[in-house]
Amino acid sequence: MDAKFLLVGHSLGGFYNRVFAARHPKQVKGIILLDPRIPSYQDMKFAKKIFEMYSRKDFEPDNLSLYHLLANMERTSDYVRQVLLSDSIPILDVMAEIGPFQDSNKNERFKNDQRNLVNGYKNRRLILAEGSSHNISDDKPGLVIKEIADFYRRHLLRR
């Protein structure tokens, strides 16, 4: 396949982008992440705690897929944590100002994981979506469109 992809993912979509990019690094020309989950040991612990709070009975039949997603999240985070991204793939992480959790410590961990993803790389960048909740594309659609267009011009048109 000779396609060249720009991957864009929100939250858990960051996991899927990371796996795809690791499996097909020559086809991925860049990744844009919108307030992504970043796999880490802390994320694995968090996923386990969240799942332990629920029982299968807590989920309506139409939402059983969410139950199974949560049931596998610790293992999924561990798998994705071990997937190495090519240093040659440029990444833009658009971080929400207001994290997805009620607890400020959990939000700070979430933000620190994003900072760690980009720190030390020349082709990775983090920007703050000021005033945005975790749902950046709903809160700041103009910012998302602008950043995708700028990233495309900067990284994909040059190649």
C-alpha atoms as a PDB file:
ATOM      1  CA  MET A   1       0.000   0.000   0.000  1.00  0.00           C
ATOM      2  CA  ASP A   2       1.385   3.389  -0.985  1.00  0.00           C
ATOM      3  CA  ALA A   3      -1.113   5.532   0.930  1.00  0.00           C
ATOM      4  CA  LYS A   4       0.009   8.283   3.227  1.00  0.00           C
ATOM      5  CA  PHE A   5      -2.205   8.901   6.234  1.00  0.00           C
ATOM      6  CA  LEU A   6      -2.657  11.753   8.658  1.00  0.00           C
ATOM      7  CA  LEU A   7      -4.234  10.146  11.720  1.00  0.00           C
ATOM      8  CA  VAL A   8      -6.497  12.222  13.957  1.00  0.00           C
ATOM      9  CA  GLY A   9      -7.831  10.757  17.187  1.00  0.00           C
ATOM     10  CA  HIS A  10      -9.646  11.952  20.285  1.00  0.00           C
ATOM     11  CA  SER A  11      -9.169  10.440  23.758  1.00  0.00           C
ATOM     12  CA  LEU A  12      -9.043   6.652  23.410  1.00  0.00           C
ATOM     13  CA  GLY A  13      -8.550   7.141  19.665  1.00  0.00           C
ATOM     14  CA  GLY A  14      -4.960   7.970  20.554  1.00  0.00           C
ATOM     15  CA  PHE A  15      -4.454   4.304  21.454  1.00  0.00           C
ATOM     16  CA  TYR A  16      -5.703   3.169  18.046  1.00  0.00           C
ATOM     17  CA  ASN A  17      -3.594   5.775  16.218  1.00  0.00           C
ATOM     18  CA  ARG A  18      -0.509   4.669  18.105  1.00  0.00           C
ATOM     19  CA  VAL A  19      -0.988   0.984  17.220  1.00  0.00           C
ATOM     20  CA  PHE A  20      -1.715   1.741  13.555  1.00  0.00           C
ATOM     21  CA  ALA A  21       1.329   4.025  13.296  1.00  0.00           C
ATOM     22  CA  ALA A  22       3.583   1.425  14.932  1.00  0.00           C
ATOM     23  CA  ARG A  23       2.395  -1.266  12.530  1.00  0.00           C
ATOM     24  CA  HIS A  24       2.544   0.956   9.425  1.00  0.00           C
ATOM     25  CA  PRO A  25       5.156   3.678  10.092  1.00  0.00           C
ATOM     26  CA  LYS A  26       5.929   4.298   6.414  1.00  0.00           C
ATOM     27  CA  GLN A  27       2.273   4.978   5.660  1.00  0.00           C
ATOM     28  CA  VAL A  28       1.677   7.404   8.515  1.00  0.00           C
ATOM     29  CA  LYS A  29       2.831  10.923   7.783  1.00  0.00           C
ATOM     30  CA  GLY A  30       1.627  12.426  11.053  1.00  0.00           C
ATOM     31  CA  ILE A  31      -0.628  12.077  14.076  1.00  0.00           C
ATOM     32  CA  ILE A  32      -2.886  14.688  15.646  1.00  0.00           C
ATOM     33  CA  LEU A  33      -4.203  13.796  19.075  1.00  0.00           C
ATOM     34  CA  LEU A  34      -7.077  15.636  20.744  1.00  0.00           C
ATOM     35  CA  ASP A  35      -6.728  15.284  24.524  1.00  0.00           C
ATOM     36  CA  PRO A  36      -5.593  11.660  24.187  1.00  0.00           C
ATOM     37  CA  ARG A  37      -5.244   8.909  26.725  1.00  0.00           C
ATOM     38  CA  ILE A  38      -1.583   8.038  26.937  1.00  0.00           C
ATOM     39  CA  PRO A  39      -0.779   4.460  27.985  1.00  0.00           C
ATOM     40  CA  SER A  40       1.293   4.296  31.158  1.00  0.00           C
ATOM     41  CA  TYR A  41       1.524   2.337  34.394  1.00  0.00           C
ATOM     42  CA  GLN A  42      -0.595   5.043  36.026  1.00  0.00           C
ATOM     43  CA  ASP A  43      -3.206   4.690  33.290  1.00  0.00           C
ATOM     44  CA  MET A  44      -3.274   0.929  33.836  1.00  0.00           C
ATOM     45  CA  LYS A  45      -3.906   1.403  37.587  1.00  0.00           C
ATOM     46  CA  PHE A  46      -6.571   3.982  36.831  1.00  0.00           C
ATOM     47  CA  ALA A  47      -8.313   1.670  34.344  1.00  0.00           C
ATOM     48  CA  LYS A  48      -8.343  -1.165  36.868  1.00  0.00           C
ATOM     49  CA  LYS A  49      -9.858   1.061  39.582  1.00  0.00           C
ATOM     50  CA  ILE A  50     -12.565   2.334  37.249  1.00  0.00           C
ATOM     51  CA  PHE A  51     -13.541  -1.168  36.163  1.00  0.00           C
ATOM     52  CA  GLU A  52     -13.678  -2.397  39.763  1.00  0.00           C
ATOM     53  CA  MET A  53     -16.283   0.277  40.521  1.00  0.00           C
ATOM     54  CA  TYR A  54     -18.790  -1.307  38.150  1.00  0.00           C
ATOM     55  CA  SER A  55     -20.642  -4.552  37.690  1.00  0.00           C
ATOM     56  CA  ARG A  56     -22.045  -5.889  34.444  1.00  0.00           C
ATOM     57  CA  LYS A  57     -25.527  -5.222  35.839  1.00  0.00           C
ATOM     58  CA  ASP A  58     -24.747  -1.485  35.833  1.00  0.00           C
ATOM     59  CA  PHE A  59     -24.906  -1.436  32.036  1.00  0.00           C
ATOM     60  CA  GLU A  60     -28.029  -1.411  29.904  1.00  0.00           C
ATOM     61  CA  PRO A  61     -28.042  -4.005  27.098  1.00  0.00           C
ATOM     62  CA  ASP A  62     -27.334  -1.262  24.550  1.00  0.00           C
ATOM     63  CA  ASN A  63     -24.184  -0.276  26.473  1.00  0.00           C
ATOM     64  CA  LEU A  64     -22.582  -3.667  27.033  1.00  0.00           C
ATOM     65  CA  SER A  65     -19.818  -2.754  24.608  1.00  0.00           C
ATOM     66  CA  LEU A  66     -18.741  -0.040  27.072  1.00  0.00           C
ATOM     67  CA  TYR A  67     -18.609  -2.645  29.845  1.00  0.00           C
ATOM     68  CA  HIS A  68     -16.341  -4.860  27.715  1.00  0.00           C
ATOM     69  CA  LEU A  69     -14.190  -1.883  26.759  1.00  0.00           C
ATOM     70  CA  LEU A  70     -13.693  -1.086  30.457  1.00  0.00           C
ATOM     71  CA  ALA A  71     -13.116  -4.756  31.283  1.00  0.00           C
ATOM     72  CA  ASN A  72     -10.178  -4.853  28.868  1.00  0.00           C
ATOM     73  CA  MET A  73      -8.822  -1.342  29.374  1.00  0.00           C
ATOM     74  CA  GLU A  74      -6.018  -2.243  31.800  1.00  0.00           C
ATOM     75  CA  ARG A  75      -4.735  -4.915  29.419  1.00  0.00           C
ATOM     76  CA  THR A  76      -5.212  -2.626  26.411  1.00  0.00           C
ATOM     77  CA  SER A  77      -3.257   0.159  28.089  1.00  0.00           C
ATOM     78  CA  ASP A  78      -0.453  -2.265  28.909  1.00  0.00           C
ATOM     79  CA  TYR A  79      -0.307  -3.490  25.310  1.00  0.00           C
ATOM     80  CA  VAL A  80      -0.331   0.002  23.797  1.00  0.00           C
ATOM     81  CA  ARG A  81       2.244   1.215  26.363  1.00  0.00           C
ATOM     82  CA  GLN A  82       4.699  -1.285  24.890  1.00  0.00           C
ATOM     83  CA  VAL A  83       4.047  -0.277  21.270  1.00  0.00           C
ATOM     84  CA  LEU A  84       6.872   1.964  20.122  1.00  0.00           C
ATOM     85  CA  LEU A  85       6.151   4.915  17.883  1.00  0.00           C
ATOM     86  CA  SER A  86       8.693   5.822  15.241  1.00  0.00           C
ATOM     87  CA  ASP A  87      10.553   9.004  16.173  1.00  0.00           C
ATOM     88  CA  SER A  88      10.207  10.123  12.559  1.00  0.00           C
ATOM     89  CA  ILE A  89       6.401  10.518  12.769  1.00  0.00           C
ATOM     90  CA  PRO A  90       5.448  14.087  13.708  1.00  0.00           C
ATOM     91  CA  ILE A  91       2.831  14.410  16.449  1.00  0.00           C
ATOM     92  CA  LEU A  92       0.622  17.286  17.540  1.00  0.00           C
ATOM     93  CA  ASP A  93      -1.136  16.873  20.891  1.00  0.00           C
ATOM     94  CA  VAL A  94      -3.964  19.339  21.503  1.00  0.00           C
ATOM     95  CA  MET A  95      -4.538  19.258  25.260  1.00  0.00           C
ATOM     96  CA  ALA A  96      -7.778  20.414  26.854  1.00  0.00           C
ATOM     97  CA  GLU A  97      -7.545  23.012  29.583  1.00  0.00           C
ATOM     98  CA  ILE A  98     -10.281  21.246  31.570  1.00  0.00           C
ATOM     99  CA  GLY A  99      -9.532  17.533  31.971  1.00  0.00           C
ATOM    100  CA  PRO A 100     -12.084  14.725  31.680  1.00  0.00           C
ATOM    101  CA  PHE A 101     -12.151  13.807  35.391  1.00  0.00           C
ATOM    102  CA  GLN A 102     -13.782  15.285  38.490  1.00  0.00           C
ATOM    103  CA  ASP A 103     -10.586  14.755  40.499  1.00  0.00           C
ATOM    104  CA  SER A 104      -7.869  17.372  39.892  1.00  0.00           C
ATOM    105  CA  ASN A 105      -5.067  14.852  40.613  1.00  0.00           C
ATOM    106  CA  LYS A 106      -6.393  12.531  37.890  1.00  0.00           C
ATOM    107  CA  ASN A 107      -6.574  15.455  35.471  1.00  0.00           C
ATOM    108  CA  GLU A 108      -3.007  16.474  36.279  1.00  0.00           C
ATOM    109  CA  ARG A 109      -1.785  12.894  35.663  1.00  0.00           C
ATOM    110  CA  PHE A 110      -3.678  12.906  32.353  1.00  0.00           C
ATOM    111  CA  LYS A 111      -1.979  16.178  31.342  1.00  0.00           C
ATOM    112  CA  ASN A 112       1.472  15.061  32.513  1.00  0.00           C
ATOM    113  CA  ASP A 113       1.186  11.920  30.371  1.00  0.00           C
ATOM    114  CA  GLN A 114       0.509  14.170  27.368  1.00  0.00           C
ATOM    115  CA  ARG A 115       3.455  16.418  28.201  1.00  0.00           C
ATOM    116  CA  ASN A 116       5.722  13.378  28.483  1.00  0.00           C
ATOM    117  CA  LEU A 117       4.620  12.191  25.028  1.00  0.00           C
ATOM    118  CA  VAL A 118       6.065  15.288  23.363  1.00  0.00           C
ATOM    119  CA  ASN A 119       8.960  16.284  25.641  1.00  0.00           C
ATOM    120  CA  GLY A 120      12.381  15.741  24.120  1.00  0.00           C
ATOM    121  CA  TYR A 121      11.215  15.393  20.497  1.00  0.00           C
ATOM    122  CA  LYS A 122      11.767  18.048  17.842  1.00  0.00           C
ATOM    123  CA  ASN A 123       8.829  16.874  15.728  1.00  0.00           C
ATOM    124  CA  ARG A 124       6.278  16.601  18.548  1.00  0.00           C
ATOM    125  CA  ARG A 125       4.346  19.568  19.826  1.00  0.00           C
ATOM    126  CA  LEU A 126       1.790  20.211  22.560  1.00  0.00           C
ATOM    127  CA  ILE A 127      -0.702  23.056  22.473  1.00  0.00           C
ATOM    128  CA  LEU A 128      -3.286  23.998  25.074  1.00  0.00           C
ATOM    129  CA  ALA A 129      -6.883  24.445  23.935  1.00  0.00           C
ATOM    130  CA  GLU A 130      -7.675  27.251  26.355  1.00  0.00           C
ATOM    131  CA  GLY A 131     -11.172  27.085  27.830  1.00  0.00           C
ATOM    132  CA  SER A 132     -11.827  23.671  26.329  1.00  0.00           C
ATOM    133  CA  SER A 133     -13.193  20.608  28.064  1.00  0.00           C
ATOM    134  CA  HIS A 134     -12.094  17.104  27.055  1.00  0.00           C
ATOM    135  CA  ASN A 135     -14.470  17.412  24.071  1.00  0.00           C
ATOM    136  CA  ILE A 136     -12.188  19.778  22.192  1.00  0.00           C
ATOM    137  CA  SER A 137     -13.792  19.320  18.773  1.00  0.00           C
ATOM    138  CA  ASP A 138     -17.170  20.400  20.217  1.00  0.00           C
ATOM    139  CA  ASP A 139     -15.794  23.265  22.302  1.00  0.00           C
ATOM    140  CA  LYS A 140     -13.200  24.629  19.871  1.00  0.00           C
ATOM    141  CA  PRO A 141     -14.006  23.383  16.334  1.00  0.00           C
ATOM    142  CA  GLY A 142     -12.242  26.352  14.714  1.00  0.00           C
ATOM    143  CA  LEU A 143      -9.048  25.613  16.629  1.00  0.00           C
ATOM    144  CA  VAL A 144      -9.166  21.937  15.640  1.00  0.00           C
ATOM    145  CA  ILE A 145      -9.664  22.763  11.950  1.00  0.00           C
ATOM    146  CA  LYS A 146      -6.896  25.390  12.023  1.00  0.00           C
ATOM    147  CA  GLU A 147      -4.414  23.046  13.728  1.00  0.00           C
ATOM    148  CA  ILE A 148      -5.158  20.183  11.332  1.00  0.00           C
ATOM    149  CA  ALA A 149      -4.680  22.489   8.330  1.00  0.00           C
ATOM    150  CA  ASP A 150      -1.461  23.976   9.760  1.00  0.00           C
ATOM    151  CA  PHE A 151      -0.082  20.532  10.618  1.00  0.00           C
ATOM    152  CA  TYR A 152      -0.917  19.286   7.119  1.00  0.00           C
ATOM    153  CA  ARG A 153       0.846  22.241   5.499  1.00  0.00           C
ATOM    154  CA  ARG A 154       3.864  21.965   7.798  1.00  0.00           C
ATOM    155  CA  HIS A 155       4.425  18.220   7.678  1.00  0.00           C
ATOM    156  CA  LEU A 156       2.624  16.625   4.748  1.00  0.00           C
ATOM    157  CA  LEU A 157       2.966  19.099   1.902  1.00  0.00           C
ATOM    158  CA  ARG A 158       6.756  19.165   2.379  1.00  0.00           C
ATOM    159  CA  ARG A 159       7.187  15.428   1.838  1.00  0.00           C
END
